[in-house]
Amino acid sequence: MESKNLDLSPILKYIEKCHEGDLLSLTQTLDKTIFMLHFLAEDIFTDFERQNCCHVLMELKEAIMEI
């Protein structure tokens, strides 16, 4: 991936506003979201879609934990 100057201020503002700047709170919410996705009716997402959504959220969580 080519290095770019990205404006991350929207995500930083979200973390500050909704999680009071607490990254642990955000990662816990992501964990709960991933857990809840497994309990949606099977006709909402295919197993593949559910797996992809969970994967994206887990990658996001891991990236946040590295911060």
N, C-alpha and C. Protein backbone atom coordinates (compact mmCIF):
# COMPACT_ATOMS: atom_id res chain seq x y z
N MET A 1 0.85 -1.19 0.00
CA MET A 1 0.00 0.00 0.00
C MET A 1 0.88 1.24 0.00
N GLU A 2 0.56 2.15 -0.85
CA GLU A 2 1.32 3.38 -0.96
C GLU A 2 1.02 4.31 0.21
N SER A 3 2.06 4.90 0.76
CA SER A 3 1.88 5.80 1.89
C SER A 3 1.19 7.08 1.44
N LYS A 4 0.18 7.47 2.18
CA LYS A 4 -0.56 8.69 1.87
C LYS A 4 -0.74 9.48 3.16
N ASN A 5 -0.98 10.74 3.02
CA ASN A 5 -1.34 11.57 4.17
C ASN A 5 -2.85 11.48 4.33
N LEU A 6 -3.28 10.63 5.26
CA LEU A 6 -4.71 10.45 5.47
C LEU A 6 -5.19 11.32 6.62
N ASP A 7 -6.38 11.83 6.48
CA ASP A 7 -6.98 12.61 7.55
C ASP A 7 -7.77 11.65 8.44
N LEU A 8 -7.21 11.30 9.57
CA LEU A 8 -7.85 10.38 10.50
C LEU A 8 -8.66 11.11 11.57
N SER A 9 -8.81 12.41 11.41
CA SER A 9 -9.53 13.17 12.43
C SER A 9 -10.98 12.72 12.63
N PRO A 10 -11.72 12.28 11.59
CA PRO A 10 -13.08 11.82 11.86
C PRO A 10 -13.14 10.61 12.80
N ILE A 11 -12.25 9.64 12.60
CA ILE A 11 -12.26 8.47 13.48
C ILE A 11 -11.78 8.85 14.88
N LEU A 12 -10.82 9.75 14.96
CA LEU A 12 -10.34 10.20 16.27
C LEU A 12 -11.43 10.97 17.03
N LYS A 13 -12.19 11.78 16.30
CA LYS A 13 -13.31 12.50 16.92
C LYS A 13 -14.38 11.52 17.40
N TYR A 14 -14.64 10.48 16.61
CA TYR A 14 -15.61 9.46 17.02
C TYR A 14 -15.16 8.78 18.31
N ILE A 15 -13.90 8.38 18.36
CA ILE A 15 -13.38 7.70 19.56
C ILE A 15 -13.48 8.62 20.77
N GLU A 16 -13.16 9.87 20.58
CA GLU A 16 -13.23 10.83 21.69
C GLU A 16 -14.68 11.05 22.14
N LYS A 17 -15.58 11.24 21.18
CA LYS A 17 -16.97 11.54 21.49
C LYS A 17 -17.71 10.33 22.06
N CYS A 18 -17.58 9.19 21.41
CA CYS A 18 -18.40 8.03 21.78
C CYS A 18 -17.75 7.10 22.80
N HIS A 19 -16.44 7.19 22.94
CA HIS A 19 -15.74 6.29 23.86
C HIS A 19 -14.85 7.06 24.83
N GLU A 20 -15.04 8.38 24.87
CA GLU A 20 -14.28 9.26 25.76
C GLU A 20 -12.77 9.04 25.62
N GLY A 21 -12.35 8.74 24.40
CA GLY A 21 -10.94 8.55 24.12
C GLY A 21 -10.37 7.22 24.59
N ASP A 22 -11.23 6.35 25.06
CA ASP A 22 -10.82 5.06 25.62
C ASP A 22 -10.82 3.98 24.53
N LEU A 23 -9.62 3.62 24.06
CA LEU A 23 -9.53 2.62 23.00
C LEU A 23 -9.97 1.25 23.48
N LEU A 24 -9.78 0.94 24.75
CA LEU A 24 -10.23 -0.34 25.29
C LEU A 24 -11.75 -0.45 25.18
N SER A 25 -12.46 0.64 25.46
CA SER A 25 -13.91 0.67 25.32
C SER A 25 -14.32 0.36 23.88
N LEU A 26 -13.62 0.96 22.93
CA LEU A 26 -13.93 0.72 21.52
C LEU A 26 -13.68 -0.74 21.15
N THR A 27 -12.56 -1.31 21.59
CA THR A 27 -12.27 -2.70 21.25
C THR A 27 -13.27 -3.65 21.91
N GLN A 28 -13.73 -3.33 23.10
CA GLN A 28 -14.74 -4.16 23.75
C GLN A 28 -16.07 -4.10 22.98
N THR A 29 -16.41 -2.94 22.48
CA THR A 29 -17.62 -2.80 21.69
C THR A 29 -17.50 -3.59 20.39
N LEU A 30 -16.34 -3.56 19.77
CA LEU A 30 -16.13 -4.36 18.56
C LEU A 30 -16.26 -5.84 18.86
N ASP A 31 -15.73 -6.29 20.00
CA ASP A 31 -15.87 -7.70 20.39
C ASP A 31 -17.35 -8.08 20.54
N LYS A 32 -18.11 -7.23 21.19
CA LYS A 32 -19.54 -7.50 21.38
C LYS A 32 -20.27 -7.55 20.04
N THR A 33 -19.90 -6.65 19.14
CA THR A 33 -20.52 -6.62 17.82
C THR A 33 -20.24 -7.89 17.05
N ILE A 34 -18.99 -8.33 17.08
CA ILE A 34 -18.61 -9.57 16.41
C ILE A 34 -19.41 -10.74 16.99
N PHE A 35 -19.51 -10.79 18.31
CA PHE A 35 -20.26 -11.85 18.99
C PHE A 35 -21.73 -11.84 18.56
N MET A 36 -22.33 -10.66 18.52
CA MET A 36 -23.75 -10.55 18.18
C MET A 36 -24.03 -10.92 16.72
N LEU A 37 -23.06 -10.69 15.83
CA LEU A 37 -23.26 -11.06 14.43
C LEU A 37 -23.55 -12.55 14.28
N HIS A 38 -23.02 -13.35 15.18
CA HIS A 38 -23.23 -14.79 15.10
C HIS A 38 -24.66 -15.21 15.45
N PHE A 39 -25.43 -14.29 16.03
CA PHE A 39 -26.79 -14.62 16.46
C PHE A 39 -27.87 -14.04 15.55
N LEU A 40 -27.47 -13.39 14.47
CA LEU A 40 -28.44 -12.91 13.50
C LEU A 40 -29.04 -14.10 12.76
N ALA A 41 -30.25 -13.93 12.31
CA ALA A 41 -30.89 -14.99 11.55
C ALA A 41 -30.04 -15.36 10.34
N GLU A 42 -30.01 -16.63 10.03
CA GLU A 42 -29.14 -17.12 8.96
C GLU A 42 -29.52 -16.59 7.59
N ASP A 43 -30.74 -16.12 7.42
CA ASP A 43 -31.15 -15.60 6.11
C ASP A 43 -30.73 -14.14 5.90
N ILE A 44 -30.16 -13.52 6.90
CA ILE A 44 -29.71 -12.13 6.76
C ILE A 44 -28.37 -12.07 6.04
N PHE A 45 -27.43 -12.91 6.47
CA PHE A 45 -26.10 -13.01 5.85
C PHE A 45 -25.82 -14.46 5.53
N THR A 46 -25.11 -14.68 4.44
CA THR A 46 -24.61 -16.02 4.19
C THR A 46 -23.46 -16.25 5.18
N ASP A 47 -23.07 -17.50 5.36
CA ASP A 47 -21.94 -17.79 6.24
C ASP A 47 -20.69 -17.05 5.78
N PHE A 48 -20.49 -16.98 4.47
CA PHE A 48 -19.32 -16.30 3.91
C PHE A 48 -19.37 -14.80 4.22
N GLU A 49 -20.53 -14.17 4.06
CA GLU A 49 -20.67 -12.74 4.37
C GLU A 49 -20.43 -12.49 5.86
N ARG A 50 -20.98 -13.33 6.70
CA ARG A 50 -20.81 -13.19 8.14
C ARG A 50 -19.32 -13.31 8.50
N GLN A 51 -18.65 -14.28 7.90
CA GLN A 51 -17.23 -14.49 8.15
C GLN A 51 -16.42 -13.27 7.71
N ASN A 52 -16.76 -12.72 6.54
CA ASN A 52 -16.04 -11.54 6.05
C ASN A 52 -16.27 -10.33 6.95
N CYS A 53 -17.49 -10.12 7.39
CA CYS A 53 -17.79 -8.99 8.28
C CYS A 53 -17.03 -9.13 9.60
N CYS A 54 -17.04 -10.31 10.15
CA CYS A 54 -16.32 -10.55 11.41
C CYS A 54 -14.83 -10.35 11.22
N HIS A 55 -14.32 -10.79 10.08
CA HIS A 55 -12.89 -10.63 9.80
C HIS A 55 -12.50 -9.15 9.74
N VAL A 56 -13.30 -8.37 9.05
CA VAL A 56 -13.01 -6.93 8.94
C VAL A 56 -13.02 -6.28 10.33
N LEU A 57 -14.00 -6.62 11.13
CA LEU A 57 -14.08 -6.04 12.47
C LEU A 57 -12.90 -6.49 13.35
N MET A 58 -12.49 -7.75 13.22
CA MET A 58 -11.34 -8.23 13.99
C MET A 58 -10.05 -7.53 13.55
N GLU A 59 -9.89 -7.31 12.25
CA GLU A 59 -8.71 -6.59 11.75
C GLU A 59 -8.71 -5.15 12.27
N LEU A 60 -9.86 -4.52 12.26
CA LEU A 60 -9.97 -3.16 12.79
C LEU A 60 -9.61 -3.14 14.27
N LYS A 61 -10.13 -4.09 15.03
CA LYS A 61 -9.82 -4.17 16.45
C LYS A 61 -8.33 -4.34 16.68
N GLU A 62 -7.71 -5.24 15.93
CA GLU A 62 -6.26 -5.47 16.09
C GLU A 62 -5.46 -4.21 15.75
N ALA A 63 -5.88 -3.49 14.71
CA ALA A 63 -5.19 -2.26 14.34
C ALA A 63 -5.32 -1.22 15.45
N ILE A 64 -6.48 -1.13 16.05
CA ILE A 64 -6.70 -0.17 17.14
C ILE A 64 -5.87 -0.56 18.36
N MET A 65 -5.78 -1.85 18.63
CA MET A 65 -4.99 -2.30 19.77
C MET A 65 -3.50 -1.99 19.60
N GLU A 66 -3.03 -1.92 18.36
CA GLU A 66 -1.63 -1.58 18.11
C GLU A 66 -1.34 -0.12 18.43
N ILE A 67 -2.35 0.70 18.38
CA ILE A 67 -2.18 2.13 18.69
C ILE A 67 -1.81 2.27 20.14
